[in-house]
Each structure stands twice: as structure tokens, then as C-alpha cells.
Amino acid sequence: MALDKNLSTKIAIFKSKQIRRTIYNNEWWFSVVDVIEALTATERPRKYWSDLKSKLSTEGYGEVSEKIGQLKLTAPDGKKRETDCANVETLLRIVQSIPSPKAEPFKRWLAKVGCERIKEIDDPELATKRTRALYKAKGYSDAWIEKRMRGIEVRETLTDEWKNRDILEERNYAILTAEISKATFGMTPSQYKKFKNLKRENLRDHMDDLELIFSMLGEASTTEIARNKNAQGFYENESVARQGGTVAGNARKELEKKSGKKVSTRKNYLKQLKDTKRLIK
């Protein structure tokens, strides 16, 4: 069955393995191939899943395949593609058919993460707390985490504003974001990732304090201008995105002129943090 609306993609971690998951009708759906890769360590999880589907069908469990949803998840190359996904109930049935010593720990993990969405609906602050804890565990400083969390809020405010102004297609969000970034830093997000030698990593997770601050300024300025001008539709908001980014870009250039140092850096934040700690030791 094809399911591609009301989705919000997240990443869950099991035994250091990333498992893509997405919300549909207020419940988690998980990428089946990601689960298989985490449990079996196979280098061909898609082939494994194809063979397992056939096996389940011949054993009289054809309803498992019927309950698989084709959901759009972000692939390693950054593009969204339809991916076989299953909710907690269906995934448990699949896991039972996989011979792995990790199966029982995975079931316990699944029971825990499967109910997180319900709790977060009642108390959205739980999602924020978990995000902070994840960054902390990766080694980010409290000061950086505060800026990153604020940046997430600024970004969400902007995307909500775009929704209210008839920007409904996800590809248009990417175009508008590229306009802001280009006016702010002189680079689109994809160019910025190449500049930092990043591939699958999240660009903003590898920005330092100043890069995050100017990213926020560009997006916050775009939101303010869109509201004041009451920009409607894609083309008006595209112009506003360039204007908002230019506000941040001019501020960046002024700082670089006064400080004599470029804001954009090829280093990623965690590497800088580790280098600093090594020097202190």
C-alpha cells in the first residue's frame, strides 16, 4: 500500500545502527531494510528482505507483505525514496523470522521507542529533551546545543510560515532554503556540504557557533519579511528568501571585514571540539 502523507521522518539508534522511522497517523513506522541490516549485519539487506518476504509468503504469512507501507524516507544520498516500512506490530512478526541473537534485545528496544510518539504528543517537551541528550552524548557543548536547538525552532517557525503562504511542495522548501543559504554564505547547502567535505551528515550539526548564528539570522529575517510583506506563493517567497539571506549575508561580510576572519570554515564542529580537548590535555 502507498502511504505518503502526514509524515515526519526521524532516526532511531539500535546498537549504534541508524534505523529510519517515520510517523504516520500518530504511530511509528520503521524501515524494514534498516532493521534487517541492524540485526543480521548483512551487506545486502534488500536482497535479504526480498528472500524473507518470499519465505513468509510460502509459509502462509502473506498478510505481513500486505501490511508493509511504501513510505518516503531520506536515502543515504539525501534524496527521499519510497521504502518498505512496517509499524511495531508488523515489525515484531518480521523480527521473529530472523535468526539473530539481537532479536530479543531489539524487541525490547522496539517496545520502548514504539511508544515514544504517543508520549510526545501528550508532552512535546520530551522530544526536545531527547534531542538535547543525543547531542550531549555525541560530545557537543551545552552552549552549542542551545544554539542548535534555537536554530531548530527558528527553522520550524519558517517552514510553518511557508505552509501558511501556500508553499506546499517539499522540493520548493529546498529551493527556498538554498536561496537563503546562498545569500547568507555564498553557498547553497549542497555546496556547503562539499566545502566541509560532508556526505550523509547533517550540515548544521557540523557548523560552529557563528555559522549557526548566521543561519538563524537568515531564516529569522526571511520569516519576518514574509510576514510584513504578506508574501504569497512560491515566487514571492523566493524573492523574500533572497532578501532574508541578504540581511544575514551583509552582517557576515561586515563581521569578516572587522575581524579579518572568514565565518565559514571547512572544519566540522565535532572535529574542532576534539582538537581543542586534545590541546587542553
Protein backbone atom coordinates (compact mmCIF):
# COMPACT_ATOMS: atom_id res chain seq x y z
CA MET A 1 0.00 0.00 0.00
CA ALA A 2 1.19 3.51 -0.75
CA LEU A 3 1.36 5.94 2.17
CA ASP A 4 3.00 9.27 1.59
CA LYS A 5 1.19 11.95 3.57
CA ASN A 6 1.33 13.36 7.10
CA LEU A 7 4.87 12.09 7.54
CA SER A 8 7.62 13.26 9.87
CA THR A 9 10.93 11.41 9.49
CA LYS A 10 13.27 10.64 12.39
CA ILE A 11 16.30 8.49 13.06
CA ALA A 12 16.35 5.91 15.86
CA ILE A 13 19.51 4.18 17.09
CA PHE A 14 19.80 0.48 17.95
CA LYS A 15 23.22 -0.92 18.87
CA SER A 16 24.92 2.03 17.11
CA LYS A 17 22.93 1.33 13.93
CA GLN A 18 20.69 4.00 12.45
CA ILE A 19 17.12 2.93 11.76
CA ARG A 20 14.96 5.33 9.79
CA ARG A 21 11.44 5.74 11.07
CA THR A 22 8.55 7.99 10.19
CA ILE A 23 5.25 8.94 11.76
CA TYR A 24 2.03 8.01 10.00
CA ASN A 25 -1.32 8.54 11.72
CA ASN A 26 0.41 9.08 15.06
CA GLU A 27 2.40 5.83 15.14
CA TRP A 28 5.94 4.94 14.19
CA TRP A 29 6.73 3.06 11.00
CA PHE A 30 10.28 1.71 10.65
CA SER A 31 12.43 0.99 7.60
CA VAL A 32 12.46 -2.80 7.25
CA VAL A 33 15.81 -2.97 5.43
CA ASP A 34 17.43 -0.85 8.17
CA VAL A 35 16.14 -3.25 10.81
CA ILE A 36 17.39 -6.26 8.86
CA GLU A 37 20.82 -4.68 8.45
CA ALA A 38 20.98 -3.93 12.20
CA LEU A 39 20.01 -7.50 13.16
CA THR A 40 21.94 -9.51 10.59
CA ALA A 41 24.90 -7.30 9.59
CA THR A 42 24.28 -8.46 6.03
CA GLU A 43 25.85 -6.40 3.25
CA ARG A 44 22.73 -6.96 1.11
CA PRO A 45 19.76 -6.11 3.34
CA ARG A 46 17.42 -5.54 0.40
CA LYS A 47 18.16 -9.00 -1.02
CA TYR A 48 17.71 -10.49 2.47
CA TRP A 49 14.33 -8.74 2.80
CA SER A 50 13.23 -9.88 -0.67
CA ASP A 51 14.05 -13.51 0.18
CA LEU A 52 12.38 -13.21 3.60
CA LYS A 53 9.17 -11.84 2.06
CA SER A 54 9.02 -14.82 -0.28
CA LYS A 55 9.68 -17.20 2.62
CA LEU A 56 6.93 -15.64 4.75
CA SER A 57 4.50 -15.85 1.85
CA THR A 58 5.18 -19.55 1.22
CA GLU A 59 4.79 -20.25 4.94
CA GLY A 60 1.32 -18.74 4.95
CA TYR A 61 2.15 -15.29 6.29
CA GLY A 62 1.24 -13.32 3.19
CA GLU A 63 -0.59 -10.77 5.35
CA VAL A 64 2.80 -9.47 6.51
CA SER A 65 3.57 -8.22 2.99
CA GLU A 66 0.11 -6.72 2.75
CA LYS A 67 0.77 -4.62 5.85
CA ILE A 68 4.01 -3.16 4.52
CA GLY A 69 3.76 0.53 3.66
CA GLN A 70 5.71 2.30 0.93
CA LEU A 71 6.82 5.46 2.75
CA LYS A 72 9.18 8.17 1.56
CA LEU A 73 12.35 8.19 3.68
CA THR A 74 15.63 10.01 3.19
CA ALA A 75 18.18 7.75 1.48
CA PRO A 76 21.97 7.92 2.08
CA ASP A 77 22.32 10.26 -0.92
CA GLY A 78 19.96 12.74 0.73
CA LYS A 79 17.03 12.11 -1.63
CA LYS A 80 13.67 10.83 -0.45
CA ARG A 81 12.62 7.49 -1.86
CA GLU A 82 9.76 5.08 -1.24
CA THR A 83 10.94 2.48 1.27
CA ASP A 84 9.31 -0.64 2.70
CA CYS A 85 8.20 0.24 6.24
CA ALA A 86 6.27 -1.54 8.97
CA ASN A 87 4.58 -0.48 12.19
CA VAL A 88 5.55 -2.03 15.52
CA GLU A 89 3.10 -4.94 15.30
CA THR A 90 4.15 -5.99 11.80
CA LEU A 91 7.83 -5.45 12.51
CA LEU A 92 7.68 -7.77 15.51
CA ARG A 93 6.31 -10.51 13.26
CA ILE A 94 9.17 -9.95 10.79
CA VAL A 95 11.80 -9.97 13.53
CA GLN A 96 10.52 -13.33 14.78
CA SER A 97 11.51 -14.78 11.40
CA ILE A 98 15.08 -13.51 11.56
CA PRO A 99 17.59 -15.81 13.31
CA SER A 100 19.70 -13.35 15.27
CA PRO A 101 20.97 -13.09 18.86
CA LYS A 102 19.95 -9.42 18.67
CA ALA A 103 16.28 -10.26 18.12
CA GLU A 104 15.24 -10.23 21.80
CA PRO A 105 17.11 -7.01 22.68
CA PHE A 106 15.59 -5.46 19.56
CA LYS A 107 12.07 -6.40 20.66
CA ARG A 108 12.64 -4.67 24.00
CA TRP A 109 14.09 -1.64 22.21
CA LEU A 110 11.15 -1.56 19.81
CA ALA A 111 8.64 -1.67 22.65
CA LYS A 112 10.34 1.36 24.17
CA VAL A 113 10.74 3.53 21.07
CA GLY A 114 7.39 2.49 19.65
CA CYS A 115 5.51 4.34 22.38
CA GLU A 116 7.66 7.48 22.30
CA ARG A 117 5.41 9.22 19.77
CA ILE A 118 2.33 8.80 21.95
CA LYS A 119 4.15 10.30 24.92
CA GLU A 120 5.50 13.17 22.83
CA ILE A 121 2.01 14.08 21.62
CA ASP A 122 0.97 14.50 25.25
CA ASP A 123 4.23 16.22 26.21
CA PRO A 124 6.19 17.68 23.23
CA GLU A 125 8.99 18.72 25.60
CA LEU A 126 10.07 15.06 25.78
CA ALA A 127 11.22 15.18 22.14
CA THR A 128 13.28 18.29 22.85
CA LYS A 129 14.87 16.71 25.92
CA ARG A 130 15.81 13.60 23.97
CA THR A 131 17.37 15.67 21.18
CA ARG A 132 19.45 17.60 23.71
CA ALA A 133 20.58 14.36 25.33
CA LEU A 134 21.60 12.93 21.96
CA TYR A 135 23.78 15.94 21.13
CA LYS A 136 25.28 15.83 24.63
CA ALA A 137 26.16 12.16 24.18
CA LYS A 138 27.93 12.99 20.91
CA GLY A 139 30.19 15.45 22.71
CA TYR A 140 28.66 18.82 21.86
CA SER A 141 28.96 21.60 24.44
CA ASP A 142 25.93 23.00 26.26
CA ALA A 143 26.45 26.38 24.60
CA TRP A 144 26.45 24.81 21.12
CA ILE A 145 23.39 22.70 21.93
CA GLU A 146 21.47 25.82 23.00
CA LYS A 147 22.22 27.48 19.65
CA ARG A 148 21.37 24.32 17.70
CA MET A 149 18.05 23.89 19.50
CA ARG A 150 17.21 27.55 18.95
CA GLY A 151 18.10 27.10 15.29
CA ILE A 152 15.67 24.20 15.04
CA GLU A 153 12.91 26.39 16.48
CA VAL A 154 13.72 29.20 14.04
CA ARG A 155 13.66 26.72 11.14
CA GLU A 156 10.32 25.25 12.20
CA THR A 157 8.82 28.74 12.52
CA LEU A 158 9.96 29.50 8.97
CA THR A 159 8.60 26.28 7.46
CA ASP A 160 5.28 26.81 9.25
CA GLU A 161 5.19 30.30 7.74
CA TRP A 162 5.83 28.85 4.28
CA LYS A 163 2.98 26.38 4.73
CA ASN A 164 0.66 29.25 5.60
CA ARG A 165 1.79 31.03 2.43
CA ASP A 166 0.91 28.21 0.02
CA ILE A 167 4.36 26.62 -0.18
CA LEU A 168 3.25 23.01 -0.02
CA GLU A 169 5.74 21.00 -2.12
CA GLU A 170 8.83 19.77 -0.30
CA ARG A 171 11.12 20.44 -3.28
CA ASN A 172 10.16 24.12 -3.06
CA TYR A 173 11.32 24.18 0.58
CA ALA A 174 14.73 23.01 -0.61
CA ILE A 175 14.85 25.71 -3.30
CA LEU A 176 13.90 28.47 -0.86
CA THR A 177 16.41 27.19 1.71
CA ALA A 178 19.11 27.20 -0.97
CA GLU A 179 18.29 30.84 -1.77
CA ILE A 180 18.67 31.85 1.89
CA SER A 181 21.94 29.94 2.25
CA LYS A 182 23.38 31.31 -0.98
CA ALA A 183 22.62 34.90 0.08
CA THR A 184 23.92 34.26 3.61
CA PHE A 185 27.11 32.29 2.94
CA GLY A 186 27.60 32.49 -0.82
CA MET A 187 26.91 28.74 -0.99
CA THR A 188 23.86 26.53 -1.30
CA PRO A 189 23.54 23.76 1.33
CA SER A 190 24.85 21.15 -1.12
CA GLN A 191 27.84 23.36 -1.97
CA TYR A 192 28.41 24.00 1.73
CA LYS A 193 28.49 20.25 2.44
CA LYS A 194 31.12 19.78 -0.27
CA PHE A 195 33.05 22.73 1.21
CA LYS A 196 33.10 20.91 4.56
CA ASN A 197 33.71 17.51 2.94
CA LEU A 198 30.44 16.11 4.30
CA LYS A 199 28.38 13.37 2.69
CA ARG A 200 25.47 11.88 4.64
CA GLU A 201 25.99 14.11 7.68
CA ASN A 202 23.60 16.90 8.65
CA LEU A 203 25.24 20.19 7.62
CA ARG A 204 24.09 22.20 10.64
CA ASP A 205 25.35 19.55 13.04
CA HIS A 206 28.82 20.38 11.73
CA MET A 207 28.59 24.16 11.90
CA ASP A 208 30.33 26.13 14.61
CA ASP A 209 28.68 28.84 16.72
CA LEU A 210 28.96 31.68 14.20
CA GLU A 211 27.76 29.56 11.28
CA LEU A 212 24.70 28.56 13.30
CA ILE A 213 24.04 32.16 14.32
CA PHE A 214 24.12 33.44 10.73
CA SER A 215 21.95 30.52 9.58
CA MET A 216 19.39 31.55 12.19
CA LEU A 217 19.63 35.21 11.21
CA GLY A 218 18.96 34.40 7.55
CA GLU A 219 15.92 32.27 8.33
CA ALA A 220 14.53 34.55 11.04
CA SER A 221 14.90 37.55 8.70
CA THR A 222 13.09 35.66 5.94
CA THR A 223 10.20 34.87 8.30
CA GLU A 224 9.92 38.50 9.42
CA ILE A 225 9.99 39.89 5.88
CA ALA A 226 7.44 37.33 4.66
CA ARG A 227 5.07 38.33 7.43
CA ASN A 228 5.48 42.06 6.94
CA LYS A 229 5.12 41.84 3.16
CA ASN A 230 2.44 39.15 3.36
CA ALA A 231 4.27 37.21 0.65
CA GLN A 232 2.09 34.57 -1.01
CA GLY A 233 3.03 31.66 -3.23
CA PHE A 234 6.41 30.36 -4.33
CA TYR A 235 7.74 33.24 -6.43
CA GLU A 236 7.03 35.97 -3.88
CA ASN A 237 8.59 33.89 -1.13
CA GLU A 238 11.59 33.10 -3.32
CA SER A 239 12.28 36.82 -3.54
CA VAL A 240 11.78 37.17 0.21
CA ALA A 241 14.19 34.26 0.85
CA ARG A 242 16.91 36.10 -1.05
CA GLN A 243 16.17 39.28 0.91
CA GLY A 244 16.27 37.48 4.26
CA GLY A 245 19.50 35.75 3.34
CA THR A 246 21.00 39.04 2.21
CA VAL A 247 20.36 40.55 5.65
CA ALA A 248 22.47 37.77 7.18
CA GLY A 249 24.99 37.87 4.33
CA ASN A 250 25.64 41.57 4.81
CA ALA A 251 26.09 41.07 8.55
CA ARG A 252 28.50 38.20 7.88
CA LYS A 253 30.58 40.28 5.47
CA GLU A 254 30.72 43.16 7.96
CA LEU A 255 31.94 40.82 10.71
CA GLU A 256 34.55 39.29 8.40
CA LYS A 257 35.75 42.79 7.46
CA LYS A 258 36.08 43.86 11.08
CA SER A 259 37.53 40.59 12.43
CA GLY A 260 39.71 39.71 9.46
CA LYS A 261 38.48 36.11 9.63
CA LYS A 262 36.05 34.13 7.47
CA VAL A 263 32.86 32.87 9.13
CA SER A 264 32.54 29.73 7.02
CA THR A 265 35.06 27.05 7.95
CA ARG A 266 35.97 23.78 6.28
CA LYS A 267 36.27 22.13 9.69
CA ASN A 268 33.26 20.43 11.22
CA TYR A 269 32.28 21.31 14.77
CA LEU A 270 32.95 17.97 16.43
CA LYS A 271 36.44 17.79 14.95
CA GLN A 272 37.19 21.28 16.31
CA LEU A 273 35.84 20.22 19.71
CA LYS A 274 38.03 17.11 19.79
CA ASP A 275 41.10 19.08 18.68
CA THR A 276 40.51 21.63 21.44
CA LYS A 277 40.18 18.91 24.09
CA ARG A 278 43.39 17.28 22.84
CA LEU A 279 45.26 20.57 23.14
CA ILE A 280 43.94 21.09 26.70
CA LYS A 281 45.21 17.65 27.70
